Amino acid sequence: MKSKLTPLLVFAAMVIHAVPLSAHHSFAAEFDEKKKVTIKGTITKVELTNPHGWLYLNVKDDQGNEENWAVETGAPLALLRQGGDVKKSLATGTVIIVDGWLARNGSKTVNGKTIKFADGREILAGTSNNAAQ
């Protein structure tokens, strides 16, 4: 009985440990280093989940229409250490400017490099672009 249970437990352990790894990706796999972008918008949602945090912004296009953009940040703890406090500086309704790189798939998704606030402060967003470090 013991010999039949051991392979099952090993397989279950492998699956459990593989799931978090699949959530992490390289910068080059999803973002284009040649497509720099700056967006200005109002924060609508903040998700501080590992391994990357996400900021969602309503950004006005050239015609004045609002579009929702997603900004990938670094690890939540690193963002918080930079001054990205969800209750204060990154609260819903806050207007920010994000510099970063566009997604390869054409979606309104940015890998953030810096976040600028109305008071002139600027923090690092925690990009996964190793060339930008």
Protein backbone atom coordinates (compact mmCIF):
# COMPACT_ATOMS: atom_id res chain seq x y z
CA MET A 1 0.00 0.00 0.00
CA LYS A 2 2.80 2.39 0.88
CA SER A 3 4.52 2.00 -2.49
CA LYS A 4 1.33 2.95 -4.39
CA LEU A 5 0.74 6.08 -2.31
CA THR A 6 4.28 7.49 -2.60
CA PRO A 7 4.19 8.23 -6.37
CA LEU A 8 0.79 9.89 -5.97
CA LEU A 9 2.10 12.16 -3.20
CA VAL A 10 5.19 13.04 -5.23
CA PHE A 11 3.02 13.92 -8.24
CA ALA A 12 0.70 16.06 -6.10
CA ALA A 13 3.67 17.93 -4.61
CA MET A 14 5.06 18.62 -8.08
CA VAL A 15 1.73 20.00 -9.31
CA ILE A 16 1.31 22.24 -6.26
CA HIS A 17 4.80 23.71 -6.69
CA ALA A 18 4.46 24.15 -10.47
CA VAL A 19 1.33 26.32 -10.33
CA PRO A 20 2.97 29.42 -8.76
CA LEU A 21 5.89 29.16 -11.19
CA SER A 22 3.60 29.32 -14.19
CA ALA A 23 2.33 32.73 -13.06
CA HIS A 24 5.79 34.26 -13.39
CA HIS A 25 7.04 35.25 -16.82
CA SER A 26 9.93 37.03 -18.47
CA PHE A 27 9.64 40.64 -19.59
CA ALA A 28 10.50 39.82 -23.22
CA ALA A 29 7.79 37.16 -23.42
CA GLU A 30 4.99 39.69 -22.87
CA PHE A 31 6.34 43.22 -23.36
CA ASP A 32 8.22 45.00 -26.16
CA GLU A 33 11.30 46.91 -25.01
CA LYS A 34 11.16 49.00 -28.20
CA LYS A 35 7.63 50.26 -27.49
CA LYS A 36 7.99 52.79 -24.68
CA VAL A 37 4.81 54.50 -23.56
CA THR A 38 3.67 57.15 -21.09
CA ILE A 39 0.07 57.09 -19.90
CA LYS A 40 -1.79 59.40 -17.55
CA GLY A 41 -4.91 58.18 -15.86
CA THR A 42 -7.06 57.77 -12.79
CA ILE A 43 -6.61 54.66 -10.65
CA THR A 44 -9.72 52.48 -10.70
CA LYS A 45 -8.35 49.36 -9.01
CA VAL A 46 -5.20 48.10 -7.27
CA GLU A 47 -4.26 44.43 -6.96
CA LEU A 48 -1.20 43.73 -4.85
CA THR A 49 -0.69 40.05 -5.58
CA ASN A 50 2.57 38.14 -5.96
CA PRO A 51 4.67 37.89 -8.01
CA HIS A 52 3.48 41.16 -9.63
CA GLY A 53 1.07 43.85 -8.60
CA TRP A 54 -1.42 45.45 -10.97
CA LEU A 55 -2.76 48.99 -11.25
CA TYR A 56 -5.82 49.65 -13.40
CA LEU A 57 -6.27 53.14 -14.82
CA ASN A 58 -8.89 54.97 -16.83
CA VAL A 59 -6.91 56.78 -19.53
CA LYS A 60 -8.37 59.22 -22.05
CA ASP A 61 -7.49 58.58 -25.69
CA ASP A 62 -6.93 61.32 -28.31
CA GLN A 63 -10.70 61.67 -28.85
CA GLY A 64 -11.42 62.01 -25.11
CA ASN A 65 -12.83 58.49 -24.70
CA GLU A 66 -11.87 56.64 -21.53
CA GLU A 67 -10.08 53.33 -21.91
CA ASN A 68 -9.10 51.01 -19.08
CA TRP A 69 -5.39 50.15 -18.98
CA ALA A 70 -3.56 47.59 -16.84
CA VAL A 71 -0.12 48.38 -15.44
CA GLU A 72 2.06 45.54 -14.19
CA THR A 73 4.28 46.50 -11.27
CA GLY A 74 6.95 44.62 -9.42
CA ALA A 75 6.43 42.68 -6.22
CA PRO A 76 3.88 44.37 -3.95
CA LEU A 77 6.30 44.66 -1.02
CA ALA A 78 8.88 46.42 -3.21
CA LEU A 79 6.20 48.84 -4.47
CA LEU A 80 5.10 49.57 -0.91
CA ARG A 81 8.70 50.23 0.15
CA GLN A 82 9.00 52.76 -2.68
CA GLY A 83 6.02 54.68 -1.29
CA GLY A 84 3.19 53.01 -3.18
CA ASP A 85 0.75 52.99 -0.27
CA VAL A 86 -2.67 51.79 -1.45
CA LYS A 87 -4.54 53.84 1.16
CA LYS A 88 -2.71 57.07 0.30
CA SER A 89 -0.61 57.48 -2.83
CA LEU A 90 -2.23 54.68 -4.87
CA ALA A 91 -5.81 55.13 -3.69
CA THR A 92 -8.68 54.73 -6.13
CA GLY A 93 -9.32 58.09 -7.81
CA THR A 94 -5.67 59.19 -7.74
CA VAL A 95 -4.28 60.54 -11.01
CA ILE A 96 -0.85 59.15 -11.91
CA ILE A 97 1.54 59.11 -14.86
CA VAL A 98 3.16 55.79 -15.72
CA ASP A 99 6.21 55.30 -17.93
CA GLY A 100 6.80 51.79 -19.22
CA TRP A 101 6.56 49.41 -22.15
CA LEU A 102 3.56 48.14 -24.13
CA ALA A 103 2.43 44.54 -24.27
CA ARG A 104 3.39 42.56 -27.38
CA ASN A 105 -0.19 41.32 -27.89
CA GLY A 106 -1.56 44.83 -28.56
CA SER A 107 -3.66 44.97 -25.39
CA LYS A 108 -3.79 48.06 -23.23
CA THR A 109 -1.25 46.59 -20.85
CA VAL A 110 1.97 48.23 -19.69
CA ASN A 111 4.96 46.96 -17.75
CA GLY A 112 5.57 49.95 -15.48
CA LYS A 113 8.98 51.53 -14.97
CA THR A 114 8.05 54.66 -12.99
CA ILE A 115 4.96 56.13 -11.38
CA LYS A 116 4.69 59.91 -11.07
CA PHE A 117 2.30 61.74 -8.77
CA ALA A 118 0.71 65.20 -8.99
CA ASP A 119 2.92 66.48 -6.16
CA GLY A 120 6.05 65.72 -8.23
CA ARG A 121 7.06 62.54 -6.43
CA GLU A 122 8.23 59.64 -8.55
CA ILE A 123 8.66 56.03 -7.50
CA LEU A 124 9.97 52.97 -9.28
CA ALA A 125 7.19 50.63 -10.36
CA GLY A 126 9.41 47.55 -10.20
CA THR A 127 9.69 46.64 -13.87
CA SER A 128 10.79 43.15 -14.79
CA ASN A 129 12.81 44.63 -17.70
CA ASN A 130 16.38 43.76 -16.69
CA ALA A 131 17.80 46.22 -19.24
CA ALA A 132 16.07 49.11 -17.43
CA GLN A 133 17.57 48.43 -14.02
